[in-house]
Amino acid sequence: HSLTSLISIAVNILLTDIHYQPTNSHGYLDYSSSHPASCKDSIPYSQFLRLCRICSQDVMFHTRSSQLSSFFIDRGFPSPTIDEARSRVSSIPRNTAHSSHSPTRNKGRVP
């Protein structure tokens, strides 16, 4: 995938947005593939989280996440999977989306 960030300045504020190259086919994994469901279901979440980190304005995040949702629909992803991932990411404050997370569900587990 060709991915770049678009950076602009508006009224002395630095704005960031995602920019897809014209050659980007948005060829995400097709949901009918033989990959494990957990692998396929994690793709929308990770891509929405990436958008959350890149888009500096909530309005732009919502616009871009709508576009991303349509890309996943085109690849056969179930709407509930997309909607759940989008909702989970939408509830994350932008300032915490940038921080690295420490997995809490595996706390105390021996590697």
PDB file of N, CA and C in Angstrom:
ATOM      1  N   HIS A   1       0.831  -1.177   0.000  1.00  0.00           N
ATOM      2  CA  HIS A   1       0.000   0.000   0.000  1.00  0.00           C
ATOM      3  C   HIS A   1       0.875   1.240   0.000  1.00  0.00           C
ATOM      4  N   SER A   2       0.482   2.192  -0.789  1.00  0.00           N
ATOM      5  CA  SER A   2       1.177   3.470  -0.781  1.00  0.00           C
ATOM      6  C   SER A   2       0.450   4.381   0.186  1.00  0.00           C
ATOM      7  N   LEU A   3       1.148   4.810   1.203  1.00  0.00           N
ATOM      8  CA  LEU A   3       0.533   5.644   2.227  1.00  0.00           C
ATOM      9  C   LEU A   3       1.450   6.805   2.534  1.00  0.00           C
ATOM     10  N   THR A   4       0.882   7.962   2.545  1.00  0.00           N
ATOM     11  CA  THR A   4       1.624   9.133   2.991  1.00  0.00           C
ATOM     12  C   THR A   4       0.704   9.965   3.860  1.00  0.00           C
ATOM     13  N   SER A   5       1.297  10.843   4.634  1.00  0.00           N
ATOM     14  CA  SER A   5       0.525  11.767   5.446  1.00  0.00           C
ATOM     15  C   SER A   5       0.516  13.111   4.745  1.00  0.00           C
ATOM     16  N   LEU A   6      -0.583  13.780   4.833  1.00  0.00           N
ATOM     17  CA  LEU A   6      -0.722  15.117   4.284  1.00  0.00           C
ATOM     18  C   LEU A   6      -0.649  16.079   5.456  1.00  0.00           C
ATOM     19  N   ILE A   7       0.282  17.018   5.389  1.00  0.00           N
ATOM     20  CA  ILE A   7       0.464  17.981   6.468  1.00  0.00           C
ATOM     21  C   ILE A   7       0.189  19.371   5.928  1.00  0.00           C
ATOM     22  N   SER A   8      -0.622  20.137   6.651  1.00  0.00           N
ATOM     23  CA  SER A   8      -0.928  21.501   6.230  1.00  0.00           C
ATOM     24  C   SER A   8      -0.988  22.399   7.459  1.00  0.00           C
ATOM     25  N   ILE A   9      -0.942  23.697   7.204  1.00  0.00           N
ATOM     26  CA  ILE A   9      -1.023  24.675   8.292  1.00  0.00           C
ATOM     27  C   ILE A   9      -2.253  25.541   8.054  1.00  0.00           C
ATOM     28  N   ALA A  10      -3.086  25.647   9.088  1.00  0.00           N
ATOM     29  CA  ALA A  10      -4.288  26.483   9.019  1.00  0.00           C
ATOM     30  C   ALA A  10      -4.343  27.318  10.293  1.00  0.00           C
ATOM     31  N   VAL A  11      -4.295  28.623  10.148  1.00  0.00           N
ATOM     32  CA  VAL A  11      -4.354  29.552  11.264  1.00  0.00           C
ATOM     33  C   VAL A  11      -3.335  29.141  12.347  1.00  0.00           C
ATOM     34  N   ASN A  12      -2.100  28.973  11.918  1.00  0.00           N
ATOM     35  CA  ASN A  12      -0.990  28.610  12.804  1.00  0.00           C
ATOM     36  C   ASN A  12      -1.170  27.287  13.536  1.00  0.00           C
ATOM     37  N   ILE A  13      -1.941  26.387  12.975  1.00  0.00           N
ATOM     38  CA  ILE A  13      -2.135  25.062  13.550  1.00  0.00           C
ATOM     39  C   ILE A  13      -1.702  24.035  12.516  1.00  0.00           C
ATOM     40  N   LEU A  14      -0.900  23.096  12.942  1.00  0.00           N
ATOM     41  CA  LEU A  14      -0.451  22.026  12.067  1.00  0.00           C
ATOM     42  C   LEU A  14      -1.535  20.960  11.993  1.00  0.00           C
ATOM     43  N   LEU A  15      -2.000  20.661  10.793  1.00  0.00           N
ATOM     44  CA  LEU A  15      -3.039  19.659  10.580  1.00  0.00           C
ATOM     45  C   LEU A  15      -2.448  18.471   9.837  1.00  0.00           C
ATOM     46  N   THR A  16      -2.838  17.272  10.251  1.00  0.00           N
ATOM     47  CA  THR A  16      -2.383  16.078   9.545  1.00  0.00           C
ATOM     48  C   THR A  16      -3.592  15.278   9.086  1.00  0.00           C
ATOM     49  N   ASP A  17      -3.427  14.640   7.962  1.00  0.00           N
ATOM     50  CA  ASP A  17      -4.491  13.850   7.347  1.00  0.00           C
ATOM     51  C   ASP A  17      -3.817  12.717   6.591  1.00  0.00           C
ATOM     52  N   ILE A  18      -4.570  11.702   6.274  1.00  0.00           N
ATOM     53  CA  ILE A  18      -4.039  10.603   5.482  1.00  0.00           C
ATOM     54  C   ILE A  18      -4.176  10.953   4.005  1.00  0.00           C
ATOM     55  N   HIS A  19      -3.230  10.495   3.233  1.00  0.00           N
ATOM     56  CA  HIS A  19      -3.280  10.713   1.792  1.00  0.00           C
ATOM     57  C   HIS A  19      -2.976   9.389   1.114  1.00  0.00           C
ATOM     58  N   TYR A  20      -3.883   8.937   0.275  1.00  0.00           N
ATOM     59  CA  TYR A  20      -3.668   7.714  -0.483  1.00  0.00           C
ATOM     60  C   TYR A  20      -3.145   8.083  -1.863  1.00  0.00           C
ATOM     61  N   GLN A  21      -2.094   7.419  -2.271  1.00  0.00           N
ATOM     62  CA  GLN A  21      -1.573   7.636  -3.614  1.00  0.00           C
ATOM     63  C   GLN A  21      -2.632   7.181  -4.625  1.00  0.00           C
ATOM     64  N   PRO A  22      -2.678   7.815  -5.797  1.00  0.00           N
ATOM     65  CA  PRO A  22      -3.668   7.406  -6.806  1.00  0.00           C
ATOM     66  C   PRO A  22      -3.535   5.936  -7.213  1.00  0.00           C
ATOM     67  N   THR A  23      -2.362   5.370  -7.033  1.00  0.00           N
ATOM     68  CA  THR A  23      -2.148   3.972  -7.412  1.00  0.00           C
ATOM     69  C   THR A  23      -2.556   2.985  -6.318  1.00  0.00           C
ATOM     70  N   ASN A  24      -2.972   3.479  -5.150  1.00  0.00           N
ATOM     71  CA  ASN A  24      -3.367   2.607  -4.054  1.00  0.00           C
ATOM     72  C   ASN A  24      -4.692   1.934  -4.391  1.00  0.00           C
ATOM     73  N   SER A  25      -4.683   0.620  -4.446  1.00  0.00           N
ATOM     74  CA  SER A  25      -5.892  -0.125  -4.812  1.00  0.00           C
ATOM     75  C   SER A  25      -6.744  -0.501  -3.598  1.00  0.00           C
ATOM     76  N   HIS A  26      -6.261  -0.195  -2.395  1.00  0.00           N
ATOM     77  CA  HIS A  26      -6.959  -0.544  -1.158  1.00  0.00           C
ATOM     78  C   HIS A  26      -7.269  -2.033  -1.130  1.00  0.00           C
ATOM     79  N   GLY A  27      -6.275  -2.802  -1.549  1.00  0.00           N
ATOM     80  CA  GLY A  27      -6.419  -4.251  -1.643  1.00  0.00           C
ATOM     81  C   GLY A  27      -6.177  -4.956  -0.323  1.00  0.00           C
ATOM     82  N   TYR A  28      -6.979  -4.619   0.677  1.00  0.00           N
ATOM     83  CA  TYR A  28      -6.866  -5.290   1.962  1.00  0.00           C
ATOM     84  C   TYR A  28      -7.226  -6.762   1.780  1.00  0.00           C
ATOM     85  N   LEU A  29      -6.821  -7.576   2.720  1.00  0.00           N
ATOM     86  CA  LEU A  29      -7.097  -9.000   2.681  1.00  0.00           C
ATOM     87  C   LEU A  29      -8.590  -9.240   2.461  1.00  0.00           C
ATOM     88  N   ASP A  30      -8.915 -10.128   1.545  1.00  0.00           N
ATOM     89  CA  ASP A  30     -10.315 -10.467   1.312  1.00  0.00           C
ATOM     90  C   ASP A  30     -10.811 -11.315   2.481  1.00  0.00           C
ATOM     91  N   TYR A  31     -12.005 -10.995   2.952  1.00  0.00           N
ATOM     92  CA  TYR A  31     -12.514 -11.677   4.143  1.00  0.00           C
ATOM     93  C   TYR A  31     -12.783 -13.155   3.903  1.00  0.00           C
ATOM     94  N   SER A  32     -12.930 -13.556   2.655  1.00  0.00           N
ATOM     95  CA  SER A  32     -13.180 -14.968   2.362  1.00  0.00           C
ATOM     96  C   SER A  32     -11.893 -15.789   2.343  1.00  0.00           C
ATOM     97  N   SER A  33     -10.764 -15.176   2.659  1.00  0.00           N
ATOM     98  CA  SER A  33      -9.498 -15.902   2.668  1.00  0.00           C
ATOM     99  C   SER A  33      -9.497 -16.953   3.772  1.00  0.00           C
ATOM    100  N   SER A  34      -8.533 -17.823   3.730  1.00  0.00           N
ATOM    101  CA  SER A  34      -8.438 -18.913   4.710  1.00  0.00           C
ATOM    102  C   SER A  34      -7.711 -18.518   5.982  1.00  0.00           C
ATOM    103  N   HIS A  35      -7.423 -17.255   6.145  1.00  0.00           N
ATOM    104  CA  HIS A  35      -6.752 -16.795   7.356  1.00  0.00           C
ATOM    105  C   HIS A  35      -7.677 -16.985   8.566  1.00  0.00           C
ATOM    106  N   PRO A  36      -7.085 -17.146   9.756  1.00  0.00           N
ATOM    107  CA  PRO A  36      -7.923 -17.278  10.961  1.00  0.00           C
ATOM    108  C   PRO A  36      -8.802 -16.037  11.146  1.00  0.00           C
ATOM    109  N   ALA A  37      -9.990 -16.256  11.670  1.00  0.00           N
ATOM    110  CA  ALA A  37     -10.934 -15.145  11.875  1.00  0.00           C
ATOM    111  C   ALA A  37     -10.318 -14.056  12.746  1.00  0.00           C
ATOM    112  N   SER A  38      -9.540 -14.435  13.749  1.00  0.00           N
ATOM    113  CA  SER A  38      -8.933 -13.437  14.631  1.00  0.00           C
ATOM    114  C   SER A  38      -7.973 -12.538  13.856  1.00  0.00           C
ATOM    115  N   CYS A  39      -7.292 -13.090  12.883  1.00  0.00           N
ATOM    116  CA  CYS A  39      -6.382 -12.306  12.047  1.00  0.00           C
ATOM    117  C   CYS A  39      -7.177 -11.324  11.184  1.00  0.00           C
ATOM    118  N   LYS A  40      -8.215 -11.836  10.534  1.00  0.00           N
ATOM    119  CA  LYS A  40      -9.026 -10.989   9.659  1.00  0.00           C
ATOM    120  C   LYS A  40      -9.759  -9.906  10.438  1.00  0.00           C
ATOM    121  N   ASP A  41     -10.287 -10.273  11.609  1.00  0.00           N
ATOM    122  CA  ASP A  41     -11.069  -9.321  12.402  1.00  0.00           C
ATOM    123  C   ASP A  41     -10.211  -8.223  13.020  1.00  0.00           C
ATOM    124  N   SER A  42      -8.911  -8.452  13.135  1.00  0.00           N
ATOM    125  CA  SER A  42      -8.036  -7.430  13.723  1.00  0.00           C
ATOM    126  C   SER A  42      -7.625  -6.361  12.711  1.00  0.00           C
ATOM    127  N   ILE A  43      -7.773  -6.631  11.436  1.00  0.00           N
ATOM    128  CA  ILE A  43      -7.332  -5.683  10.408  1.00  0.00           C
ATOM    129  C   ILE A  43      -8.107  -4.366  10.475  1.00  0.00           C
ATOM    130  N   PRO A  44      -9.442  -4.366  10.509  1.00  0.00           N
ATOM    131  CA  PRO A  44     -10.147  -3.078  10.590  1.00  0.00           C
ATOM    132  C   PRO A  44      -9.746  -2.268  11.820  1.00  0.00           C
ATOM    133  N   TYR A  45      -9.622  -2.921  12.966  1.00  0.00           N
ATOM    134  CA  TYR A  45      -9.250  -2.188  14.183  1.00  0.00           C
ATOM    135  C   TYR A  45      -7.893  -1.513  14.006  1.00  0.00           C
ATOM    136  N   SER A  46      -6.912  -2.257  13.516  1.00  0.00           N
ATOM    137  CA  SER A  46      -5.569  -1.679  13.377  1.00  0.00           C
ATOM    138  C   SER A  46      -5.542  -0.549  12.363  1.00  0.00           C
ATOM    139  N   GLN A  47      -6.336  -0.660  11.306  1.00  0.00           N
ATOM    140  CA  GLN A  47      -6.360   0.396  10.294  1.00  0.00           C
ATOM    141  C   GLN A  47      -7.108   1.639  10.792  1.00  0.00           C
ATOM    142  N   PHE A  48      -8.185   1.441  11.548  1.00  0.00           N
ATOM    143  CA  PHE A  48      -8.875   2.595  12.141  1.00  0.00           C
ATOM    144  C   PHE A  48      -7.989   3.280  13.181  1.00  0.00           C
ATOM    145  N   LEU A  49      -7.240   2.491  13.941  1.00  0.00           N
ATOM    146  CA  LEU A  49      -6.319   3.069  14.918  1.00  0.00           C
ATOM    147  C   LEU A  49      -5.234   3.884  14.213  1.00  0.00           C
ATOM    148  N   ARG A  50      -4.752   3.382  13.095  1.00  0.00           N
ATOM    149  CA  ARG A  50      -3.757   4.119  12.305  1.00  0.00           C
ATOM    150  C   ARG A  50      -4.342   5.452  11.850  1.00  0.00           C
ATOM    151  N   LEU A  51      -5.587   5.444  11.393  1.00  0.00           N
ATOM    152  CA  LEU A  51      -6.245   6.694  11.002  1.00  0.00           C
ATOM    153  C   LEU A  51      -6.361   7.654  12.177  1.00  0.00           C
ATOM    154  N   CYS A  52      -6.730   7.120  13.325  1.00  0.00           N
ATOM    155  CA  CYS A  52      -6.866   7.949  14.524  1.00  0.00           C
ATOM    156  C   CYS A  52      -5.550   8.630  14.862  1.00  0.00           C
ATOM    157  N   ARG A  53      -4.463   7.932  14.663  1.00  0.00           N
ATOM    158  CA  ARG A  53      -3.142   8.490  14.961  1.00  0.00           C
ATOM    159  C   ARG A  53      -2.715   9.528  13.934  1.00  0.00           C
ATOM    160  N   ILE A  54      -3.125   9.355  12.696  1.00  0.00           N
ATOM    161  CA  ILE A  54      -2.686  10.248  11.623  1.00  0.00           C
ATOM    162  C   ILE A  54      -3.552  11.496  11.511  1.00  0.00           C
ATOM    163  N   CYS A  55      -4.861  11.341  11.586  1.00  0.00           N
ATOM    164  CA  CYS A  55      -5.775  12.476  11.393  1.00  0.00           C
ATOM    165  C   CYS A  55      -5.814  13.348  12.649  1.00  0.00           C
ATOM    166  N   SER A  56      -5.452  14.613  12.494  1.00  0.00           N
ATOM    167  CA  SER A  56      -5.373  15.493  13.660  1.00  0.00           C
ATOM    168  C   SER A  56      -6.722  16.076  14.075  1.00  0.00           C
ATOM    169  N   GLN A  57      -7.717  15.993  13.225  1.00  0.00           N
ATOM    170  CA  GLN A  57      -9.039  16.530  13.555  1.00  0.00           C
ATOM    171  C   GLN A  57     -10.073  15.417  13.555  1.00  0.00           C
ATOM    172  N   ASP A  58     -10.980  15.464  14.535  1.00  0.00           N
ATOM    173  CA  ASP A  58     -12.015  14.440  14.635  1.00  0.00           C
ATOM    174  C   ASP A  58     -12.890  14.379  13.391  1.00  0.00           C
ATOM    175  N   VAL A  59     -13.204  15.536  12.835  1.00  0.00           N
ATOM    176  CA  VAL A  59     -14.048  15.574  11.638  1.00  0.00           C
ATOM    177  C   VAL A  59     -13.378  14.810  10.500  1.00  0.00           C
ATOM    178  N   MET A  60     -12.088  15.017  10.334  1.00  0.00           N
ATOM    179  CA  MET A  60     -11.372  14.335   9.262  1.00  0.00           C
ATOM    180  C   MET A  60     -11.261  12.835   9.555  1.00  0.00           C
ATOM    181  N   PHE A  61     -11.067  12.489  10.823  1.00  0.00           N
ATOM    182  CA  PHE A  61     -11.031  11.063  11.181  1.00  0.00           C
ATOM    183  C   PHE A  61     -12.337  10.388  10.805  1.00  0.00           C
ATOM    184  N   HIS A  62     -13.464  11.016  11.103  1.00  0.00           N
ATOM    185  CA  HIS A  62     -14.762  10.415  10.791  1.00  0.00           C
ATOM    186  C   HIS A  62     -14.984  10.310   9.282  1.00  0.00           C
ATOM    187  N   THR A  63     -14.535  11.313   8.547  1.00  0.00           N
ATOM    188  CA  THR A  63     -14.639  11.256   7.084  1.00  0.00           C
ATOM    189  C   THR A  63     -13.802  10.110   6.533  1.00  0.00           C
ATOM    190  N   ARG A  64     -12.557  10.040   6.984  1.00  0.00           N
ATOM    191  CA  ARG A  64     -11.641   9.001   6.494  1.00  0.00           C
ATOM    192  C   ARG A  64     -12.058   7.613   6.968  1.00  0.00           C
ATOM    193  N   SER A  65     -12.617   7.511   8.159  1.00  0.00           N
ATOM    194  CA  SER A  65     -13.043   6.192   8.623  1.00  0.00           C
ATOM    195  C   SER A  65     -14.257   5.699   7.841  1.00  0.00           C
ATOM    196  N   SER A  66     -15.085   6.620   7.363  1.00  0.00           N
ATOM    197  CA  SER A  66     -16.192   6.222   6.480  1.00  0.00           C
ATOM    198  C   SER A  66     -15.651   5.669   5.165  1.00  0.00           C
ATOM    199  N   GLN A  67     -14.635   6.337   4.642  1.00  0.00           N
ATOM    200  CA  GLN A  67     -13.992   5.843   3.410  1.00  0.00           C
ATOM    201  C   GLN A  67     -13.392   4.465   3.645  1.00  0.00           C
ATOM    202  N   LEU A  68     -12.675   4.326   4.765  1.00  0.00           N
ATOM    203  CA  LEU A  68     -12.032   3.050   5.077  1.00  0.00           C
ATOM    204  C   LEU A  68     -13.073   1.949   5.251  1.00  0.00           C
ATOM    205  N   SER A  69     -14.193   2.269   5.864  1.00  0.00           N
ATOM    206  CA  SER A  69     -15.269   1.286   6.022  1.00  0.00           C
ATOM    207  C   SER A  69     -15.723   0.765   4.663  1.00  0.00           C
ATOM    208  N   SER A  70     -15.857   1.655   3.690  1.00  0.00           N
ATOM    209  CA  SER A  70     -16.293   1.216   2.359  1.00  0.00           C
ATOM    210  C   SER A  70     -15.240   0.330   1.690  1.00  0.00           C
ATOM    211  N   PHE A  71     -13.951   0.596   1.963  1.00  0.00           N
ATOM    212  CA  PHE A  71     -12.901  -0.266   1.414  1.00  0.00           C
ATOM    213  C   PHE A  71     -13.035  -1.679   1.989  1.00  0.00           C
ATOM    214  N   PHE A  72     -13.329  -1.775   3.280  1.00  0.00           N
ATOM    215  CA  PHE A  72     -13.488  -3.088   3.904  1.00  0.00           C
ATOM    216  C   PHE A  72     -14.752  -3.795   3.417  1.00  0.00           C
ATOM    217  N   ILE A  73     -15.822  -3.063   3.224  1.00  0.00           N
ATOM    218  CA  ILE A  73     -17.057  -3.649   2.680  1.00  0.00           C
ATOM    219  C   ILE A  73     -16.759  -4.258   1.299  1.00  0.00           C
ATOM    220  N   ASP A  74     -15.992  -3.517   0.493  1.00  0.00           N
ATOM    221  CA  ASP A  74     -15.628  -4.012  -0.842  1.00  0.00           C
ATOM    222  C   ASP A  74     -14.815  -5.300  -0.782  1.00  0.00           C
ATOM    223  N   ARG A  75     -14.113  -5.527   0.330  1.00  0.00           N
ATOM    224  CA  ARG A  75     -13.289  -6.731   0.488  1.00  0.00           C
ATOM    225  C   ARG A  75     -14.039  -7.837   1.220  1.00  0.00           C
ATOM    226  N   GLY A  76     -15.350  -7.650   1.437  1.00  0.00           N
ATOM    227  CA  GLY A  76     -16.179  -8.701   2.006  1.00  0.00           C
ATOM    228  C   GLY A  76     -16.205  -8.778   3.518  1.00  0.00           C
ATOM    229  N   PHE A  77     -15.688  -7.761   4.203  1.00  0.00           N
ATOM    230  CA  PHE A  77     -15.723  -7.767   5.664  1.00  0.00           C
ATOM    231  C   PHE A  77     -17.157  -7.555   6.135  1.00  0.00           C
ATOM    232  N   PRO A  78     -17.575  -8.269   7.176  1.00  0.00           N
ATOM    233  CA  PRO A  78     -18.930  -8.080   7.701  1.00  0.00           C
ATOM    234  C   PRO A  78     -19.083  -6.691   8.337  1.00  0.00           C
ATOM    235  N   SER A  79     -20.205  -6.060   8.086  1.00  0.00           N
ATOM    236  CA  SER A  79     -20.467  -4.728   8.647  1.00  0.00           C
ATOM    237  C   SER A  79     -20.329  -4.682  10.165  1.00  0.00           C
ATOM    238  N   PRO A  80     -20.825  -5.692  10.915  1.00  0.00           N
ATOM    239  CA  PRO A  80     -20.662  -5.633  12.376  1.00  0.00           C
ATOM    240  C   PRO A  80     -19.190  -5.614  12.813  1.00  0.00           C
ATOM    241  N   THR A  81     -18.335  -6.325  12.098  1.00  0.00           N
ATOM    242  CA  THR A  81     -16.904  -6.336  12.427  1.00  0.00           C
ATOM    243  C   THR A  81     -16.308  -4.961  12.201  1.00  0.00           C
ATOM    244  N   ILE A  82     -16.671  -4.339  11.103  1.00  0.00           N
ATOM    245  CA  ILE A  82     -16.171  -2.996  10.771  1.00  0.00           C
ATOM    246  C   ILE A  82     -16.704  -1.983  11.779  1.00  0.00           C
ATOM    247  N   ASP A  83     -18.005  -2.047  12.039  1.00  0.00           N
ATOM    248  CA  ASP A  83     -18.634  -1.084  12.959  1.00  0.00           C
ATOM    249  C   ASP A  83     -18.068  -1.192  14.373  1.00  0.00           C
ATOM    250  N   GLU A  84     -17.825  -2.416  14.823  1.00  0.00           N
ATOM    251  CA  GLU A  84     -17.275  -2.607  16.164  1.00  0.00           C
ATOM    252  C   GLU A  84     -15.858  -2.027  16.251  1.00  0.00           C
ATOM    253  N   ALA A  85     -15.045  -2.296  15.248  1.00  0.00           N
ATOM    254  CA  ALA A  85     -13.677  -1.771  15.248  1.00  0.00           C
ATOM    255  C   ALA A  85     -13.683  -0.245  15.208  1.00  0.00           C
ATOM    256  N   ARG A  86     -14.529   0.306  14.368  1.00  0.00           N
ATOM    257  CA  ARG A  86     -14.617   1.766  14.250  1.00  0.00           C
ATOM    258  C   ARG A  86     -15.091   2.394  15.557  1.00  0.00           C
ATOM    259  N   SER A  87     -16.052   1.770  16.192  1.00  0.00           N
ATOM    260  CA  SER A  87     -16.583   2.270  17.461  1.00  0.00           C
ATOM    261  C   SER A  87     -15.521   2.201  18.557  1.00  0.00           C
ATOM    262  N   ARG A  88     -14.801   1.096  18.618  1.00  0.00           N
ATOM    263  CA  ARG A  88     -13.738   0.943  19.632  1.00  0.00           C
ATOM    264  C   ARG A  88     -12.685   2.032  19.478  1.00  0.00           C
ATOM    265  N   VAL A  89     -12.268   2.279  18.243  1.00  0.00           N
ATOM    266  CA  VAL A  89     -11.233   3.293  18.015  1.00  0.00           C
ATOM    267  C   VAL A  89     -11.788   4.693  18.249  1.00  0.00           C
ATOM    268  N   SER A  90     -13.036   4.930  17.879  1.00  0.00           N
ATOM    269  CA  SER A  90     -13.637   6.256  18.083  1.00  0.00           C
ATOM    270  C   SER A  90     -13.709   6.631  19.558  1.00  0.00           C
ATOM    271  N   SER A  91     -13.730   5.640  20.432  1.00  0.00           N
ATOM    272  CA  SER A  91     -13.808   5.921  21.864  1.00  0.00           C
ATOM    273  C   SER A  91     -12.433   6.175  22.493  1.00  0.00           C
ATOM    274  N   ILE A  92     -11.367   6.007  21.726  1.00  0.00           N
ATOM    275  CA  ILE A  92     -10.011   6.230  22.236  1.00  0.00           C
ATOM    276  C   ILE A  92      -9.641   7.694  22.033  1.00  0.00           C
ATOM    277  N   PRO A  93      -9.280   8.398  23.101  1.00  0.00           N
ATOM    278  CA  PRO A  93      -8.830   9.788  22.923  1.00  0.00           C
ATOM    279  C   PRO A  93      -7.555   9.817  22.078  1.00  0.00           C
ATOM    280  N   ARG A  94      -7.469  10.795  21.178  1.00  0.00           N
ATOM    281  CA  ARG A  94      -6.312  10.881  20.283  1.00  0.00           C
ATOM    282  C   ARG A  94      -4.988  10.886  21.027  1.00  0.00           C
ATOM    283  N   ASN A  95      -4.928  11.581  22.162  1.00  0.00           N
ATOM    284  CA  ASN A  95      -3.656  11.677  22.872  1.00  0.00           C
ATOM    285  C   ASN A  95      -3.194  10.332  23.425  1.00  0.00           C
ATOM    286  N   THR A  96      -4.110   9.399  23.682  1.00  0.00           N
ATOM    287  CA  THR A  96      -3.691   8.080  24.140  1.00  0.00           C
ATOM    288  C   THR A  96      -3.485   7.118  22.979  1.00  0.00           C
ATOM    289  N   ALA A  97      -4.041   7.421  21.826  1.00  0.00           N
ATOM    290  CA  ALA A  97      -3.849   6.560  20.650  1.00  0.00           C
ATOM    291  C   ALA A  97      -2.395   6.561  20.204  1.00  0.00           C
ATOM    292  N   HIS A  98      -1.680   7.621  20.537  1.00  0.00           N
ATOM    293  CA  HIS A  98      -0.271   7.724  20.139  1.00  0.00           C
ATOM    294  C   HIS A  98       0.663   6.998  21.083  1.00  0.00           C
ATOM    295  N   SER A  99       0.219   6.736  22.280  1.00  0.00           N
ATOM    296  CA  SER A  99       1.104   6.073  23.238  1.00  0.00           C
ATOM    297  C   SER A  99       1.127   4.580  22.976  1.00  0.00           C
ATOM    298  N   SER A 100       2.280   3.995  23.244  1.00  0.00           N
ATOM    299  CA  SER A 100       2.358   2.548  23.077  1.00  0.00           C
ATOM    300  C   SER A 100       1.577   1.914  24.222  1.00  0.00           C
ATOM    301  N   HIS A 101       0.910   0.853  23.928  1.00  0.00           N
ATOM    302  CA  HIS A 101       0.081   0.220  24.946  1.00  0.00           C
ATOM    303  C   HIS A 101       0.849  -0.922  25.596  1.00  0.00           C
ATOM    304  N   SER A 102       0.508  -1.187  26.803  1.00  0.00           N
ATOM    305  CA  SER A 102       1.058  -2.363  27.475  1.00  0.00           C
ATOM    306  C   SER A 102      -0.081  -3.348  27.630  1.00  0.00           C
ATOM    307  N   PRO A 103       0.059  -4.518  27.061  1.00  0.00           N
ATOM    308  CA  PRO A 103      -1.050  -5.482  27.113  1.00  0.00           C
ATOM    309  C   PRO A 103      -1.382  -5.879  28.548  1.00  0.00           C
ATOM    310  N   THR A 104      -2.619  -5.636  28.931  1.00  0.00           N
ATOM    311  CA  THR A 104      -3.033  -5.956  30.299  1.00  0.00           C
ATOM    312  C   THR A 104      -3.639  -7.354  30.377  1.00  0.00           C
ATOM    313  N   ARG A 105      -4.140  -7.844  29.275  1.00  0.00           N
ATOM    314  CA  ARG A 105      -4.791  -9.147  29.332  1.00  0.00           C
ATOM    315  C   ARG A 105      -3.786 -10.283  29.539  1.00  0.00           C
ATOM    316  N   ASN A 106      -2.516 -10.063  29.213  1.00  0.00           N
ATOM    317  CA  ASN A 106      -1.508 -11.100  29.376  1.00  0.00           C
ATOM    318  C   ASN A 106      -0.601 -10.833  30.574  1.00  0.00           C
ATOM    319  N   LYS A 107      -1.020  -9.919  31.416  1.00  0.00           N
ATOM    320  CA  LYS A 107      -0.203  -9.559  32.568  1.00  0.00           C
ATOM    321  C   LYS A 107      -0.035 -10.776  33.474  1.00  0.00           C
ATOM    322  N   GLY A 108       1.190 -11.008  33.877  1.00  0.00           N
ATOM    323  CA  GLY A 108       1.462 -12.130  34.750  1.00  0.00           C
ATOM    324  C   GLY A 108       1.687 -13.436  34.017  1.00  0.00           C
ATOM    325  N   ARG A 109       1.528 -13.422  32.723  1.00  0.00           N
ATOM    326  CA  ARG A 109       1.725 -14.627  31.925  1.00  0.00           C
ATOM    327  C   ARG A 109       3.204 -14.842  31.701  1.00  0.00           C
ATOM    328  N   VAL A 110       3.643 -16.059  31.792  1.00  0.00           N
ATOM    329  CA  VAL A 110       5.036 -16.384  31.527  1.00  0.00           C
ATOM    330  C   VAL A 110       5.189 -16.602  30.023  1.00  0.00           C
ATOM    331  N   PRO A 111       6.142 -15.883  29.399  1.00  0.00           N
ATOM    332  CA  PRO A 111       6.304 -16.050  27.938  1.00  0.00           C
ATOM    333  C   PRO A 111       6.784 -17.427  27.569  1.00  0.00           C
TER     334      PRO A 111
END
